[in-house]
């Protein structure tokens, strides 16, 4: 079983930030000319913003 699977199943870890801090991470800075491809949709407002962004990309 790999580390991610072990932490998810045996330890019940669900927060990605905690998990990556435990395994060690490297931080990189990225800039995007257009929209952030990692845009996170958590709310209805985020979804509406995503829809608008998609319309503008057509």
Protein backbone atom coordinates (compact mmCIF):
# COMPACT_ATOMS: atom_id res chain seq x y z
CA UNK A 1 0.00 0.00 0.00
CA UNK A 2 1.46 3.38 -0.89
CA UNK A 3 1.75 6.25 1.58
CA UNK A 4 -1.30 8.19 0.36
CA UNK A 5 -3.53 5.14 0.47
CA UNK A 6 -2.17 4.19 3.90
CA UNK A 7 -2.80 7.67 5.30
CA UNK A 8 -6.30 7.84 3.79
CA UNK A 9 -7.44 4.39 4.88
CA UNK A 10 -5.59 3.67 8.12
CA UNK A 11 -5.17 7.17 9.51
CA UNK A 12 -8.24 8.78 7.99
CA UNK A 13 -6.27 11.86 6.90
CA UNK A 14 -8.41 13.97 4.56
CA UNK A 15 -6.76 17.38 4.56
CA UNK A 16 -4.31 17.55 1.66
CA UNK A 17 -2.30 20.39 3.22
CA UNK A 18 -1.56 18.34 6.36
CA UNK A 19 -0.72 15.26 4.33
CA UNK A 20 1.77 17.01 2.04
CA UNK A 21 3.39 18.78 4.98
CA UNK A 22 3.95 15.36 6.60
CA UNK A 23 5.59 13.84 3.51
CA UNK A 24 7.58 16.91 2.56
CA UNK A 25 6.84 19.27 -0.29
CA UNK A 26 8.57 21.72 -2.56
CA UNK A 27 6.83 24.99 -3.26
CA UNK A 28 6.89 26.60 -6.66
CA UNK A 29 5.47 29.93 -7.73
CA UNK A 30 3.42 29.88 -10.88
CA UNK A 31 1.87 32.68 -12.89
CA UNK A 32 -0.82 32.22 -15.51
CA UNK A 33 -1.51 34.56 -18.40
CA UNK A 34 -5.18 33.57 -18.38
CA UNK A 35 -7.31 31.95 -15.72
CA UNK A 36 -5.90 29.88 -12.90
CA UNK A 37 -6.25 26.22 -14.01
CA UNK A 38 -6.43 25.24 -10.33
CA UNK A 39 -9.49 27.40 -9.62
CA UNK A 40 -11.32 25.75 -6.74
CA UNK A 41 -15.12 25.56 -6.74
CA UNK A 42 -16.54 25.30 -3.23
CA UNK A 43 -19.58 27.57 -3.25
CA UNK A 44 -22.43 28.51 -5.54
CA UNK A 45 -20.65 31.82 -6.12
CA UNK A 46 -17.49 29.97 -7.17
CA UNK A 47 -19.56 27.90 -9.59
CA UNK A 48 -21.07 31.01 -11.13
CA UNK A 49 -17.61 32.55 -11.48
CA UNK A 50 -16.36 29.36 -13.15
CA UNK A 51 -19.27 29.46 -15.59
CA UNK A 52 -18.42 33.05 -16.49
CA UNK A 53 -14.76 32.15 -16.97
CA UNK A 54 -15.75 29.29 -19.27
CA UNK A 55 -17.96 31.60 -21.35
CA UNK A 56 -15.05 34.00 -21.78
CA UNK A 57 -12.81 31.18 -23.00
CA UNK A 58 -15.09 30.19 -25.89
